[in-house]
PDB file of N, CA and C in Angstrom:
ATOM      1  N   MET A   1     -30.518  31.004 -21.578  1.00  0.00           N
ATOM      2  CA  MET A   1     -30.460  31.710 -22.826  1.00  0.00           C
ATOM      3  C   MET A   1     -30.813  33.161 -22.559  1.00  0.00           C
ATOM      4  N   SER A   2     -30.367  34.039 -23.414  1.00  0.00           N
ATOM      5  CA  SER A   2     -30.644  35.456 -23.240  1.00  0.00           C
ATOM      6  C   SER A   2     -30.766  36.127 -24.597  1.00  0.00           C
ATOM      7  N   ASP A   3     -31.359  37.321 -24.575  1.00  0.00           N
ATOM      8  CA  ASP A   3     -31.418  38.124 -25.784  1.00  0.00           C
ATOM      9  C   ASP A   3     -31.071  39.559 -25.428  1.00  0.00           C
ATOM     10  N   THR A   4     -31.005  40.405 -26.425  1.00  0.00           N
ATOM     11  CA  THR A   4     -30.675  41.810 -26.193  1.00  0.00           C
ATOM     12  C   THR A   4     -31.805  42.712 -26.671  1.00  0.00           C
ATOM     13  N   GLY A   5     -33.030  42.190 -26.651  1.00  0.00           N
ATOM     14  CA  GLY A   5     -34.200  42.963 -27.066  1.00  0.00           C
ATOM     15  C   GLY A   5     -34.588  43.994 -26.017  1.00  0.00           C
ATOM     16  N   PRO A   6     -35.839  44.467 -26.078  1.00  0.00           N
ATOM     17  CA  PRO A   6     -36.289  45.511 -25.160  1.00  0.00           C
ATOM     18  C   PRO A   6     -36.482  45.041 -23.720  1.00  0.00           C
ATOM     19  N   GLY A   7     -36.470  43.736 -23.492  1.00  0.00           N
ATOM     20  CA  GLY A   7     -36.613  43.210 -22.139  1.00  0.00           C
ATOM     21  C   GLY A   7     -38.061  43.114 -21.689  1.00  0.00           C
ATOM     22  N   ILE A   8     -38.236  42.676 -20.454  1.00  0.00           N
ATOM     23  CA  ILE A   8     -39.557  42.521 -19.853  1.00  0.00           C
ATOM     24  C   ILE A   8     -39.540  43.283 -18.533  1.00  0.00           C
ATOM     25  N   PRO A   9     -40.446  44.233 -18.360  1.00  0.00           N
ATOM     26  CA  PRO A   9     -40.484  44.965 -17.099  1.00  0.00           C
ATOM     27  C   PRO A   9     -40.665  44.014 -15.913  1.00  0.00           C
ATOM     28  N   ALA A  10     -40.041  44.328 -14.786  1.00  0.00           N
ATOM     29  CA  ALA A  10     -40.089  43.455 -13.599  1.00  0.00           C
ATOM     30  C   ALA A  10     -41.519  43.073 -13.229  1.00  0.00           C
ATOM     31  N   GLY A  11     -42.448  44.000 -13.342  1.00  0.00           N
ATOM     32  CA  GLY A  11     -43.844  43.723 -12.987  1.00  0.00           C
ATOM     33  C   GLY A  11     -44.553  42.802 -13.961  1.00  0.00           C
ATOM     34  N   GLU A  12     -43.945  42.511 -15.087  1.00  0.00           N
ATOM     35  CA  GLU A  12     -44.560  41.657 -16.105  1.00  0.00           C
ATOM     36  C   GLU A  12     -43.929  40.274 -16.195  1.00  0.00           C
ATOM     37  N   LEU A  13     -42.861  40.036 -15.443  1.00  0.00           N
ATOM     38  CA  LEU A  13     -42.135  38.765 -15.572  1.00  0.00           C
ATOM     39  C   LEU A  13     -43.023  37.548 -15.318  1.00  0.00           C
ATOM     40  N   GLU A  14     -43.957  37.635 -14.381  1.00  0.00           N
ATOM     41  CA  GLU A  14     -44.850  36.509 -14.109  1.00  0.00           C
ATOM     42  C   GLU A  14     -45.926  36.390 -15.191  1.00  0.00           C
ATOM     43  N   ASN A  15     -46.402  37.533 -15.680  1.00  0.00           N
ATOM     44  CA  ASN A  15     -47.478  37.532 -16.685  1.00  0.00           C
ATOM     45  C   ASN A  15     -47.071  36.894 -18.003  1.00  0.00           C
ATOM     46  N   VAL A  16     -45.804  37.007 -18.385  1.00  0.00           N
ATOM     47  CA  VAL A  16     -45.386  36.492 -19.695  1.00  0.00           C
ATOM     48  C   VAL A  16     -45.450  34.971 -19.774  1.00  0.00           C
ATOM     49  N   LEU A  17     -45.714  34.301 -18.655  1.00  0.00           N
ATOM     50  CA  LEU A  17     -45.863  32.846 -18.676  1.00  0.00           C
ATOM     51  C   LEU A  17     -47.322  32.424 -18.922  1.00  0.00           C
ATOM     52  N   ARG A  18     -48.233  33.382 -18.982  1.00  0.00           N
ATOM     53  CA  ARG A  18     -49.642  33.083 -19.252  1.00  0.00           C
ATOM     54  C   ARG A  18     -49.847  32.900 -20.753  1.00  0.00           C
ATOM     55  N   SER A  19     -50.679  31.944 -21.122  1.00  0.00           N
ATOM     56  CA  SER A  19     -50.989  31.713 -22.538  1.00  0.00           C
ATOM     57  C   SER A  19     -51.607  32.945 -23.166  1.00  0.00           C
ATOM     58  N   LEU A  20     -51.161  33.270 -24.352  1.00  0.00           N
ATOM     59  CA  LEU A  20     -51.670  34.356 -25.182  1.00  0.00           C
ATOM     60  C   LEU A  20     -51.398  35.751 -24.619  1.00  0.00           C
ATOM     61  N   TYR A  21     -50.555  35.861 -23.598  1.00  0.00           N
ATOM     62  CA  TYR A  21     -50.241  37.168 -23.026  1.00  0.00           C
ATOM     63  C   TYR A  21     -49.164  37.849 -23.857  1.00  0.00           C
ATOM     64  N   ARG A  22     -49.381  39.107 -24.182  1.00  0.00           N
ATOM     65  CA  ARG A  22     -48.401  39.888 -24.915  1.00  0.00           C
ATOM     66  C   ARG A  22     -48.217  41.213 -24.204  1.00  0.00           C
ATOM     67  N   LEU A  23     -46.995  41.675 -24.095  1.00  0.00           N
ATOM     68  CA  LEU A  23     -46.745  43.004 -23.557  1.00  0.00           C
ATOM     69  C   LEU A  23     -47.379  44.027 -24.491  1.00  0.00           C
ATOM     70  N   GLU A  24     -47.820  45.117 -23.939  1.00  0.00           N
ATOM     71  CA  GLU A  24     -48.482  46.149 -24.746  1.00  0.00           C
ATOM     72  C   GLU A  24     -47.617  46.578 -25.931  1.00  0.00           C
ATOM     73  N   ARG A  25     -46.325  46.781 -25.697  1.00  0.00           N
ATOM     74  CA  ARG A  25     -45.456  47.256 -26.784  1.00  0.00           C
ATOM     75  C   ARG A  25     -45.194  46.181 -27.840  1.00  0.00           C
ATOM     76  N   SER A  26     -45.571  44.926 -27.570  1.00  0.00           N
ATOM     77  CA  SER A  26     -45.338  43.835 -28.514  1.00  0.00           C
ATOM     78  C   SER A  26     -46.570  43.503 -29.343  1.00  0.00           C
ATOM     79  N   ARG A  27     -47.670  44.159 -29.095  1.00  0.00           N
ATOM     80  CA  ARG A  27     -48.922  43.813 -29.773  1.00  0.00           C
ATOM     81  C   ARG A  27     -48.893  44.076 -31.277  1.00  0.00           C
ATOM     82  N   THR A  28     -47.992  44.911 -31.747  1.00  0.00           N
ATOM     83  CA  THR A  28     -47.919  45.207 -33.179  1.00  0.00           C
ATOM     84  C   THR A  28     -46.847  44.401 -33.893  1.00  0.00           C
ATOM     85  N   THR A  29     -46.171  43.505 -33.183  1.00  0.00           N
ATOM     86  CA  THR A  29     -45.145  42.655 -33.793  1.00  0.00           C
ATOM     87  C   THR A  29     -45.686  41.236 -33.932  1.00  0.00           C
ATOM     88  N   PRO A  30     -45.143  40.444 -34.846  1.00  0.00           N
ATOM     89  CA  PRO A  30     -45.621  39.079 -35.026  1.00  0.00           C
ATOM     90  C   PRO A  30     -45.453  38.246 -33.757  1.00  0.00           C
ATOM     91  N   GLY A  31     -46.357  37.324 -33.554  1.00  0.00           N
ATOM     92  CA  GLY A  31     -46.293  36.412 -32.422  1.00  0.00           C
ATOM     93  C   GLY A  31     -47.662  36.170 -31.851  1.00  0.00           C
ATOM     94  N   SER A  32     -47.779  35.100 -31.067  1.00  0.00           N
ATOM     95  CA  SER A  32     -49.080  34.740 -30.516  1.00  0.00           C
ATOM     96  C   SER A  32     -49.116  34.784 -28.993  1.00  0.00           C
ATOM     97  N   GLY A  33     -47.966  34.936 -28.355  1.00  0.00           N
ATOM     98  CA  GLY A  33     -47.949  34.933 -26.901  1.00  0.00           C
ATOM     99  C   GLY A  33     -47.988  33.539 -26.315  1.00  0.00           C
ATOM    100  N   LEU A  34     -47.578  32.550 -27.074  1.00  0.00           N
ATOM    101  CA  LEU A  34     -47.596  31.166 -26.585  1.00  0.00           C
ATOM    102  C   LEU A  34     -46.223  30.625 -26.210  1.00  0.00           C
ATOM    103  N   GLY A  35     -45.154  31.199 -26.732  1.00  0.00           N
ATOM    104  CA  GLY A  35     -43.821  30.633 -26.561  1.00  0.00           C
ATOM    105  C   GLY A  35     -43.424  30.325 -25.131  1.00  0.00           C
ATOM    106  N   LEU A  36     -43.342  31.338 -24.286  1.00  0.00           N
ATOM    107  CA  LEU A  36     -42.902  31.107 -22.906  1.00  0.00           C
ATOM    108  C   LEU A  36     -43.920  30.311 -22.104  1.00  0.00           C
ATOM    109  N   SER A  37     -45.210  30.444 -22.415  1.00  0.00           N
ATOM    110  CA  SER A  37     -46.206  29.666 -21.670  1.00  0.00           C
ATOM    111  C   SER A  37     -46.064  28.176 -21.967  1.00  0.00           C
ATOM    112  N   LEU A  38     -45.748  27.822 -23.212  1.00  0.00           N
ATOM    113  CA  LEU A  38     -45.533  26.414 -23.562  1.00  0.00           C
ATOM    114  C   LEU A  38     -44.262  25.885 -22.898  1.00  0.00           C
ATOM    115  N   VAL A  39     -43.213  26.680 -22.924  1.00  0.00           N
ATOM    116  CA  VAL A  39     -41.961  26.284 -22.271  1.00  0.00           C
ATOM    117  C   VAL A  39     -42.201  26.067 -20.781  1.00  0.00           C
ATOM    118  N   ALA A  40     -42.903  27.005 -20.145  1.00  0.00           N
ATOM    119  CA  ALA A  40     -43.179  26.889 -18.708  1.00  0.00           C
ATOM    120  C   ALA A  40     -43.993  25.643 -18.395  1.00  0.00           C
ATOM    121  N   ALA A  41     -44.979  25.306 -19.231  1.00  0.00           N
ATOM    122  CA  ALA A  41     -45.801  24.114 -19.011  1.00  0.00           C
ATOM    123  C   ALA A  41     -44.962  22.839 -19.102  1.00  0.00           C
ATOM    124  N   ILE A  42     -44.084  22.767 -20.080  1.00  0.00           N
ATOM    125  CA  ILE A  42     -43.233  21.582 -20.242  1.00  0.00           C
ATOM    126  C   ILE A  42     -42.274  21.452 -19.062  1.00  0.00           C
ATOM    127  N   ILE A  43     -41.694  22.554 -18.649  1.00  0.00           N
ATOM    128  CA  ILE A  43     -40.776  22.524 -17.506  1.00  0.00           C
ATOM    129  C   ILE A  43     -41.512  22.085 -16.247  1.00  0.00           C
ATOM    130  N   HIS A  44     -42.725  22.608 -16.047  1.00  0.00           N
ATOM    131  CA  HIS A  44     -43.527  22.227 -14.887  1.00  0.00           C
ATOM    132  C   HIS A  44     -43.833  20.726 -14.898  1.00  0.00           C
ATOM    133  N   MET A  45     -44.143  20.163 -16.067  1.00  0.00           N
ATOM    134  CA  MET A  45     -44.434  18.726 -16.190  1.00  0.00           C
ATOM    135  C   MET A  45     -43.236  17.877 -15.785  1.00  0.00           C
ATOM    136  N   HIS A  46     -42.050  18.424 -15.897  1.00  0.00           N
ATOM    137  CA  HIS A  46     -40.824  17.699 -15.563  1.00  0.00           C
ATOM    138  C   HIS A  46     -40.241  18.135 -14.225  1.00  0.00           C
ATOM    139  N   ASP A  47     -41.079  18.760 -13.389  1.00  0.00           N
ATOM    140  CA  ASP A  47     -40.658  19.211 -12.054  1.00  0.00           C
ATOM    141  C   ASP A  47     -39.444  20.133 -12.123  1.00  0.00           C
ATOM    142  N   GLY A  48     -39.373  20.921 -13.161  1.00  0.00           N
ATOM    143  CA  GLY A  48     -38.254  21.834 -13.328  1.00  0.00           C
ATOM    144  C   GLY A  48     -38.583  23.226 -12.838  1.00  0.00           C
ATOM    145  N   GLU A  49     -37.639  24.123 -13.046  1.00  0.00           N
ATOM    146  CA  GLU A  49     -37.788  25.510 -12.619  1.00  0.00           C
ATOM    147  C   GLU A  49     -37.356  26.433 -13.751  1.00  0.00           C
ATOM    148  N   LEU A  50     -38.138  27.474 -13.982  1.00  0.00           N
ATOM    149  CA  LEU A  50     -37.835  28.467 -14.996  1.00  0.00           C
ATOM    150  C   LEU A  50     -37.662  29.810 -14.296  1.00  0.00           C
ATOM    151  N   ARG A  51     -36.534  30.447 -14.527  1.00  0.00           N
ATOM    152  CA  ARG A  51     -36.258  31.757 -13.933  1.00  0.00           C
ATOM    153  C   ARG A  51     -36.081  32.783 -15.041  1.00  0.00           C
ATOM    154  N   ARG A  52     -36.639  33.973 -14.817  1.00  0.00           N
ATOM    155  CA  ARG A  52     -36.505  35.074 -15.754  1.00  0.00           C
ATOM    156  C   ARG A  52     -35.884  36.244 -15.022  1.00  0.00           C
ATOM    157  N   GLU A  53     -34.978  36.932 -15.707  1.00  0.00           N
ATOM    158  CA  GLU A  53     -34.352  38.105 -15.088  1.00  0.00           C
ATOM    159  C   GLU A  53     -33.895  39.073 -16.162  1.00  0.00           C
ATOM    160  N   ASP A  54     -33.616  40.280 -15.743  1.00  0.00           N
ATOM    161  CA  ASP A  54     -33.161  41.327 -16.655  1.00  0.00           C
ATOM    162  C   ASP A  54     -31.778  40.975 -17.195  1.00  0.00           C
ATOM    163  N   ASN A  55     -31.574  41.197 -18.479  1.00  0.00           N
ATOM    164  CA  ASN A  55     -30.274  40.963 -19.106  1.00  0.00           C
ATOM    165  C   ASN A  55     -29.590  42.282 -19.452  1.00  0.00           C
ATOM    166  N   ALA A  56     -30.290  43.396 -19.291  1.00  0.00           N
ATOM    167  CA  ALA A  56     -29.792  44.765 -19.489  1.00  0.00           C
ATOM    168  C   ALA A  56     -28.924  44.962 -20.722  1.00  0.00           C
ATOM    169  N   PRO A  57     -29.391  45.053 -21.915  1.00  0.00           N
ATOM    170  CA  PRO A  57     -30.792  44.997 -22.311  1.00  0.00           C
ATOM    171  C   PRO A  57     -31.231  43.566 -22.563  1.00  0.00           C
ATOM    172  N   GLY A  58     -32.514  43.383 -22.658  1.00  0.00           N
ATOM    173  CA  GLY A  58     -33.078  42.077 -22.961  1.00  0.00           C
ATOM    174  C   GLY A  58     -33.508  41.324 -21.723  1.00  0.00           C
ATOM    175  N   VAL A  59     -33.712  40.033 -21.917  1.00  0.00           N
ATOM    176  CA  VAL A  59     -34.143  39.156 -20.830  1.00  0.00           C
ATOM    177  C   VAL A  59     -33.286  37.903 -20.845  1.00  0.00           C
ATOM    178  N   ARG A  60     -33.076  37.342 -19.679  1.00  0.00           N
ATOM    179  CA  ARG A  60     -32.332  36.092 -19.537  1.00  0.00           C
ATOM    180  C   ARG A  60     -33.284  35.067 -18.929  1.00  0.00           C
ATOM    181  N   VAL A  61     -33.336  33.892 -19.524  1.00  0.00           N
ATOM    182  CA  VAL A  61     -34.183  32.801 -19.042  1.00  0.00           C
ATOM    183  C   VAL A  61     -33.281  31.629 -18.705  1.00  0.00           C
ATOM    184  N   GLU A  62     -33.423  31.110 -17.492  1.00  0.00           N
ATOM    185  CA  GLU A  62     -32.666  29.937 -17.068  1.00  0.00           C
ATOM    186  C   GLU A  62     -33.644  28.815 -16.754  1.00  0.00           C
ATOM    187  N   ILE A  63     -33.287  27.621 -17.171  1.00  0.00           N
ATOM    188  CA  ILE A  63     -34.126  26.442 -16.966  1.00  0.00           C
ATOM    189  C   ILE A  63     -33.320  25.410 -16.198  1.00  0.00           C
ATOM    190  N   ASP A  64     -33.889  24.918 -15.105  1.00  0.00           N
ATOM    191  CA  ASP A  64     -33.272  23.837 -14.338  1.00  0.00           C
ATOM    192  C   ASP A  64     -34.209  22.645 -14.354  1.00  0.00           C
ATOM    193  N   LEU A  65     -33.704  21.498 -14.796  1.00  0.00           N
ATOM    194  CA  LEU A  65     -34.461  20.252 -14.795  1.00  0.00           C
ATOM    195  C   LEU A  65     -33.755  19.262 -13.894  1.00  0.00           C
ATOM    196  N   LYS A  66     -34.534  18.492 -13.160  1.00  0.00           N
ATOM    197  CA  LYS A  66     -33.938  17.450 -12.328  1.00  0.00           C
ATOM    198  C   LYS A  66     -33.326  16.385 -13.227  1.00  0.00           C
ATOM    199  N   GLU A  67     -32.407  15.622 -12.675  1.00  0.00           N
ATOM    200  CA  GLU A  67     -31.796  14.558 -13.464  1.00  0.00           C
ATOM    201  C   GLU A  67     -32.852  13.558 -13.907  1.00  0.00           C
ATOM    202  N   ALA A  68     -32.718  13.070 -15.130  1.00  0.00           N
ATOM    203  CA  ALA A  68     -33.676  12.110 -15.664  1.00  0.00           C
ATOM    204  C   ALA A  68     -33.796  10.902 -14.748  1.00  0.00           C
ATOM    205  N   GLY A  69     -35.025  10.514 -14.465  1.00  0.00           N
ATOM    206  CA  GLY A  69     -35.263   9.328 -13.641  1.00  0.00           C
ATOM    207  C   GLY A  69     -35.374   9.610 -12.164  1.00  0.00           C
ATOM    208  N   LYS A  70     -34.828  10.713 -11.665  1.00  0.00           N
ATOM    209  CA  LYS A  70     -34.889  10.983 -10.240  1.00  0.00           C
ATOM    210  C   LYS A  70     -36.294  11.270  -9.767  1.00  0.00           C
ATOM    211  N   ASN A  71     -37.123  11.947 -10.586  1.00  0.00           N
ATOM    212  CA  ASN A  71     -38.475  12.246 -10.163  1.00  0.00           C
ATOM    213  C   ASN A  71     -39.428  11.080 -10.382  1.00  0.00           C
ATOM    214  N   ASN A  72     -38.960  10.017 -11.015  1.00  0.00           N
ATOM    215  CA  ASN A  72     -39.781   8.820 -11.237  1.00  0.00           C
ATOM    216  C   ASN A  72     -39.160   7.596 -10.595  1.00  0.00           C
ATOM    217  N   ALA A  73     -38.393   7.767  -9.540  1.00  0.00           N
ATOM    218  CA  ALA A  73     -37.728   6.648  -8.888  1.00  0.00           C
ATOM    219  C   ALA A  73     -38.753   5.596  -8.465  1.00  0.00           C
ATOM    220  N   GLY A  74     -38.464   4.385  -8.798  1.00  0.00           N
ATOM    221  CA  GLY A  74     -39.347   3.277  -8.435  1.00  0.00           C
ATOM    222  C   GLY A  74     -40.507   3.086  -9.392  1.00  0.00           C
ATOM    223  N   ALA A  75     -40.574   3.874 -10.437  1.00  0.00           N
ATOM    224  CA  ALA A  75     -41.687   3.756 -11.382  1.00  0.00           C
ATOM    225  C   ALA A  75     -41.442   2.634 -12.350  1.00  0.00           C
TER     226      ALA A  75
END
């Protein structure tokens, strides 16, 4: 998924996955800083991968999840 907002500076791409983290320029807009951290936690629980990159303008987020059942084989 992608958007055309102001984007996330390259040096902040890792920080935006922390709970309650907000970019300085976003502190005056609505939000709690939980969205991407919750998404990242769920993806991690499912052995997935979350990638963030510049969308010029905006940000692009890609999510890769393993096929259902493959990470629990024999369970």
